[in-house]
């Protein structure tokens, strides 16, 4: 049975059922579809904030190329995009003589 047909059956059933005694509305009853509960969102530590923007896709391509070249940092840990962005931002901060930020 297609989703459209099952939805239509739910609507037809809801409209044919007698109105409840507590409802005095003249509007037809509407079927309420159950929404799946959303997965709990990951909690971000309060010391971190999202910094982002919509950039040209070539920025992503270049970041991925650097990530593939580096693979691992000096401690043997995998290099993540956020690490590359933190490094780039700290370079920008040095260029403009503002404090750099420690990135774990």
N, C-alpha and C. Protein backbone atom coordinates (compact mmCIF):
# COMPACT_ATOMS: atom_id res chain seq x y z
N UNK A 1 0.85 -1.17 0.00
CA UNK A 1 0.00 0.00 0.00
C UNK A 1 0.89 1.24 0.00
N UNK A 2 0.58 2.16 -0.87
CA UNK A 2 1.41 3.34 -0.96
C UNK A 2 1.14 4.27 0.21
N UNK A 3 2.09 5.13 0.46
CA UNK A 3 1.97 6.07 1.57
C UNK A 3 0.79 7.00 1.36
N UNK A 4 0.58 7.40 0.10
CA UNK A 4 -0.53 8.30 -0.22
C UNK A 4 -1.88 7.66 0.09
N UNK A 5 -2.03 6.37 -0.27
CA UNK A 5 -3.30 5.67 -0.02
C UNK A 5 -3.54 5.51 1.48
N UNK A 6 -2.50 5.14 2.23
CA UNK A 6 -2.68 4.96 3.66
C UNK A 6 -3.00 6.28 4.33
N UNK A 7 -2.41 7.37 3.87
CA UNK A 7 -2.72 8.69 4.41
C UNK A 7 -4.16 9.06 4.11
N UNK A 8 -4.61 8.74 2.90
CA UNK A 8 -5.99 9.03 2.52
C UNK A 8 -6.96 8.23 3.39
N UNK A 9 -6.63 6.97 3.68
CA UNK A 9 -7.49 6.15 4.53
C UNK A 9 -7.58 6.74 5.94
N UNK A 10 -6.47 7.21 6.47
CA UNK A 10 -6.48 7.83 7.80
C UNK A 10 -7.36 9.06 7.80
N UNK A 11 -7.24 9.87 6.75
CA UNK A 11 -8.05 11.08 6.66
C UNK A 11 -9.53 10.74 6.53
N UNK A 12 -9.87 9.77 5.69
CA UNK A 12 -11.27 9.36 5.54
C UNK A 12 -11.84 8.83 6.84
N UNK A 13 -11.07 8.02 7.56
CA UNK A 13 -11.52 7.47 8.83
C UNK A 13 -11.75 8.58 9.84
N UNK A 14 -10.85 9.54 9.88
CA UNK A 14 -10.96 10.65 10.83
C UNK A 14 -12.18 11.51 10.51
N UNK A 15 -12.47 11.71 9.25
CA UNK A 15 -13.60 12.56 8.87
C UNK A 15 -14.93 11.84 9.06
N UNK A 16 -14.97 10.50 8.99
CA UNK A 16 -16.21 9.74 9.14
C UNK A 16 -16.57 9.50 10.60
N UNK A 17 -15.57 9.52 11.47
CA UNK A 17 -15.86 9.24 12.88
C UNK A 17 -16.69 10.36 13.48
N UNK A 18 -17.59 10.04 14.41
CA UNK A 18 -18.46 11.07 14.99
C UNK A 18 -17.64 12.05 15.83
N UNK A 19 -18.05 13.32 15.85
CA UNK A 19 -17.31 14.30 16.65
C UNK A 19 -17.46 14.00 18.13
N UNK A 20 -16.43 14.31 18.89
CA UNK A 20 -16.49 14.04 20.32
C UNK A 20 -17.47 15.01 20.97
N UNK A 21 -18.01 14.63 22.11
CA UNK A 21 -19.01 15.44 22.78
C UNK A 21 -18.42 16.73 23.32
N UNK A 22 -17.13 16.74 23.61
CA UNK A 22 -16.52 17.93 24.19
C UNK A 22 -16.19 18.95 23.12
N UNK A 23 -16.15 18.56 21.86
CA UNK A 23 -15.82 19.47 20.78
C UNK A 23 -17.10 20.07 20.22
N UNK A 24 -17.18 21.40 20.21
CA UNK A 24 -18.37 22.06 19.69
C UNK A 24 -18.05 22.79 18.39
N UNK A 25 -16.93 22.50 17.80
CA UNK A 25 -16.50 23.17 16.58
C UNK A 25 -17.28 22.63 15.39
N UNK A 26 -17.54 23.51 14.42
CA UNK A 26 -18.23 23.09 13.20
C UNK A 26 -17.24 22.68 12.12
N UNK A 27 -15.93 22.85 12.40
CA UNK A 27 -14.91 22.47 11.42
C UNK A 27 -14.75 20.95 11.42
N UNK A 28 -14.44 20.39 10.26
CA UNK A 28 -14.22 18.94 10.22
C UNK A 28 -12.98 18.57 11.03
N UNK A 29 -13.01 17.38 11.61
CA UNK A 29 -11.87 16.91 12.39
C UNK A 29 -10.72 16.59 11.46
N UNK A 30 -9.52 16.89 11.90
CA UNK A 30 -8.33 16.61 11.11
C UNK A 30 -7.53 15.50 11.78
N UNK A 31 -7.03 14.62 10.94
CA UNK A 31 -6.19 13.54 11.47
C UNK A 31 -4.81 14.11 11.78
N UNK A 32 -4.29 13.74 12.91
CA UNK A 32 -2.97 14.20 13.30
C UNK A 32 -1.99 13.04 13.13
N UNK A 33 -1.04 13.24 12.24
CA UNK A 33 -0.05 12.19 12.00
C UNK A 33 0.98 12.24 13.12
N UNK A 34 1.37 11.06 13.56
CA UNK A 34 2.40 11.00 14.59
C UNK A 34 3.74 11.32 13.97
N UNK A 35 4.46 12.21 14.62
CA UNK A 35 5.79 12.55 14.14
C UNK A 35 6.81 11.71 14.89
N UNK A 36 7.80 11.22 14.17
CA UNK A 36 8.83 10.47 14.87
C UNK A 36 9.60 11.40 15.80
N UNK A 37 9.93 10.90 16.96
CA UNK A 37 10.68 11.73 17.89
C UNK A 37 12.09 11.91 17.37
N UNK A 38 12.57 13.13 17.46
CA UNK A 38 13.91 13.44 16.97
C UNK A 38 14.95 12.85 17.91
N UNK A 39 16.06 12.47 17.34
CA UNK A 39 17.16 11.96 18.15
C UNK A 39 17.66 13.10 19.03
N UNK A 40 18.10 12.80 20.23
CA UNK A 40 18.60 13.87 21.09
C UNK A 40 19.81 14.53 20.46
N UNK A 41 19.86 15.84 20.56
CA UNK A 41 20.98 16.57 19.97
C UNK A 41 22.21 16.42 20.84
N UNK A 42 23.37 16.39 20.17
CA UNK A 42 24.61 16.30 20.91
C UNK A 42 24.84 17.61 21.64
N UNK A 43 25.29 17.52 22.86
CA UNK A 43 25.56 18.72 23.62
C UNK A 43 26.97 19.18 23.33
N UNK A 44 27.12 20.42 23.00
CA UNK A 44 28.42 21.00 22.72
C UNK A 44 28.90 21.67 24.00
N UNK A 45 30.15 21.46 24.39
CA UNK A 45 30.63 22.13 25.59
C UNK A 45 30.39 23.63 25.51
N UNK A 46 30.04 24.23 26.64
CA UNK A 46 29.67 25.64 26.64
C UNK A 46 30.83 26.55 26.27
N UNK A 47 32.06 26.05 26.32
CA UNK A 47 33.21 26.88 25.98
C UNK A 47 33.42 26.97 24.47
N UNK A 48 32.61 26.27 23.70
CA UNK A 48 32.78 26.28 22.24
C UNK A 48 31.59 26.95 21.59
N UNK A 49 31.86 27.65 20.49
CA UNK A 49 30.81 28.29 19.70
C UNK A 49 30.99 27.91 18.24
N UNK A 50 29.88 27.90 17.54
CA UNK A 50 29.93 27.62 16.11
C UNK A 50 30.41 28.85 15.37
N UNK A 51 31.41 28.68 14.53
CA UNK A 51 31.91 29.74 13.67
C UNK A 51 31.86 29.17 12.26
N UNK A 52 31.08 29.77 11.40
CA UNK A 52 30.97 29.20 10.07
C UNK A 52 30.40 30.18 9.07
N UNK A 53 30.38 29.77 7.85
CA UNK A 53 29.83 30.58 6.78
C UNK A 53 29.72 29.75 5.52
N UNK A 54 28.92 30.22 4.62
CA UNK A 54 28.77 29.55 3.33
C UNK A 54 29.88 30.04 2.41
N UNK A 55 30.71 29.09 2.00
CA UNK A 55 31.88 29.42 1.19
C UNK A 55 31.78 28.71 -0.16
N UNK A 56 32.59 29.14 -1.08
CA UNK A 56 32.71 28.50 -2.37
C UNK A 56 33.17 27.06 -2.15
N UNK A 57 32.64 26.14 -2.92
CA UNK A 57 32.96 24.72 -2.77
C UNK A 57 34.45 24.44 -2.93
N UNK A 58 35.17 25.30 -3.62
CA UNK A 58 36.61 25.10 -3.80
C UNK A 58 37.37 25.18 -2.47
N UNK A 59 36.85 25.96 -1.51
CA UNK A 59 37.48 26.01 -0.20
C UNK A 59 37.45 24.62 0.44
N UNK A 60 36.31 23.96 0.36
CA UNK A 60 36.19 22.62 0.92
C UNK A 60 37.13 21.65 0.23
N UNK A 61 37.21 21.75 -1.08
CA UNK A 61 38.09 20.85 -1.85
C UNK A 61 39.55 21.03 -1.41
N UNK A 62 39.97 22.28 -1.28
CA UNK A 62 41.36 22.55 -0.88
C UNK A 62 41.63 22.08 0.54
N UNK A 63 40.66 22.28 1.45
CA UNK A 63 40.83 21.79 2.82
C UNK A 63 40.97 20.27 2.84
N UNK A 64 40.15 19.60 2.06
CA UNK A 64 40.22 18.13 2.00
C UNK A 64 41.57 17.66 1.44
N UNK A 65 42.10 18.39 0.47
CA UNK A 65 43.40 18.03 -0.10
C UNK A 65 44.50 18.14 0.96
N UNK A 66 44.45 19.23 1.75
CA UNK A 66 45.44 19.39 2.82
C UNK A 66 45.27 18.28 3.85
N UNK A 67 44.02 17.96 4.17
CA UNK A 67 43.74 16.91 5.14
C UNK A 67 44.33 15.58 4.67
N UNK A 68 44.20 15.28 3.38
CA UNK A 68 44.75 14.04 2.84
C UNK A 68 46.28 14.05 2.87
N UNK A 69 46.89 15.21 2.59
CA UNK A 69 48.35 15.30 2.62
C UNK A 69 48.90 15.12 4.02
N UNK A 70 48.25 15.74 5.00
CA UNK A 70 48.76 15.69 6.37
C UNK A 70 48.45 14.35 7.05
N UNK A 71 47.25 13.84 6.85
CA UNK A 71 46.77 12.59 7.45
C UNK A 71 46.86 12.58 8.98
N UNK A 72 48.05 12.76 9.51
CA UNK A 72 48.29 12.70 10.97
C UNK A 72 49.08 13.92 11.41
N UNK A 73 48.80 14.38 12.65
CA UNK A 73 49.56 15.50 13.18
C UNK A 73 50.86 14.99 13.81
N UNK A 74 51.60 15.88 14.45
CA UNK A 74 52.90 15.49 15.02
C UNK A 74 52.78 14.48 16.16
N UNK A 75 51.58 14.34 16.73
CA UNK A 75 51.36 13.38 17.82
C UNK A 75 50.77 12.06 17.30
N UNK A 76 50.58 11.95 16.00
CA UNK A 76 50.04 10.73 15.42
C UNK A 76 48.53 10.69 15.38
N UNK A 77 47.88 11.79 15.76
CA UNK A 77 46.41 11.85 15.72
C UNK A 77 45.93 12.25 14.33
N UNK A 78 44.77 11.76 13.98
CA UNK A 78 44.17 12.09 12.69
C UNK A 78 43.88 13.58 12.61
N UNK A 79 44.12 14.18 11.45
CA UNK A 79 43.86 15.61 11.26
C UNK A 79 42.41 15.79 10.82
N UNK A 80 41.68 16.65 11.53
CA UNK A 80 40.30 16.95 11.21
C UNK A 80 40.21 18.34 10.58
N UNK A 81 39.13 18.57 9.86
CA UNK A 81 38.93 19.87 9.21
C UNK A 81 38.96 21.00 10.24
N UNK A 82 38.36 20.78 11.40
CA UNK A 82 38.33 21.82 12.43
C UNK A 82 39.76 22.19 12.87
N UNK A 83 40.67 21.22 12.86
CA UNK A 83 42.06 21.50 13.19
C UNK A 83 42.70 22.41 12.14
N UNK A 84 42.42 22.13 10.88
CA UNK A 84 42.96 22.95 9.79
C UNK A 84 42.40 24.37 9.85
N UNK A 85 41.10 24.48 10.14
CA UNK A 85 40.48 25.80 10.24
C UNK A 85 41.04 26.58 11.42
N UNK A 86 41.27 25.92 12.55
CA UNK A 86 41.86 26.59 13.72
C UNK A 86 43.26 27.09 13.39
N UNK A 87 44.03 26.27 12.70
CA UNK A 87 45.38 26.68 12.30
C UNK A 87 45.33 27.89 11.37
N UNK A 88 44.42 27.87 10.41
CA UNK A 88 44.29 28.98 9.46
C UNK A 88 43.85 30.26 10.17
N UNK A 89 42.90 30.13 11.10
CA UNK A 89 42.44 31.32 11.83
C UNK A 89 43.55 31.89 12.71
N UNK A 90 44.33 31.01 13.36
CA UNK A 90 45.44 31.51 14.17
C UNK A 90 46.49 32.21 13.31
N UNK A 91 46.73 31.72 12.09
CA UNK A 91 47.63 32.42 11.17
C UNK A 91 47.09 33.81 10.83
N UNK A 92 45.79 33.89 10.61
CA UNK A 92 45.16 35.18 10.34
C UNK A 92 45.28 36.12 11.54
N UNK A 93 45.09 35.57 12.75
CA UNK A 93 45.19 36.38 13.96
C UNK A 93 46.61 36.92 14.13
N UNK A 94 47.62 36.08 13.85
CA UNK A 94 49.02 36.54 13.93
C UNK A 94 49.28 37.66 12.92
N UNK A 95 48.76 37.51 11.74
CA UNK A 95 48.95 38.51 10.69
C UNK A 95 48.40 39.87 11.11
N UNK A 96 47.31 39.87 11.86
CA UNK A 96 46.66 41.12 12.27
C UNK A 96 46.95 41.50 13.72
N UNK A 97 47.97 40.87 14.30
CA UNK A 97 48.42 41.18 15.66
C UNK A 97 47.30 41.13 16.69
N UNK A 98 46.53 40.05 16.67
CA UNK A 98 45.53 39.82 17.71
C UNK A 98 45.85 38.50 18.39
N UNK A 99 45.38 38.28 19.61
CA UNK A 99 45.73 37.05 20.32
C UNK A 99 45.28 35.79 19.57
N UNK A 100 46.15 34.81 19.59
CA UNK A 100 45.80 33.51 19.00
C UNK A 100 45.03 32.70 20.03
N UNK A 101 44.41 31.61 19.57
CA UNK A 101 43.58 30.78 20.43
C UNK A 101 44.17 29.38 20.48
N UNK A 102 44.27 28.83 21.70
CA UNK A 102 44.75 27.46 21.87
C UNK A 102 43.66 26.51 21.37
N UNK A 103 44.06 25.58 20.54
CA UNK A 103 43.12 24.58 20.01
C UNK A 103 43.63 23.21 20.41
N UNK A 104 42.78 22.44 21.08
CA UNK A 104 43.17 21.10 21.52
C UNK A 104 43.11 20.10 20.41
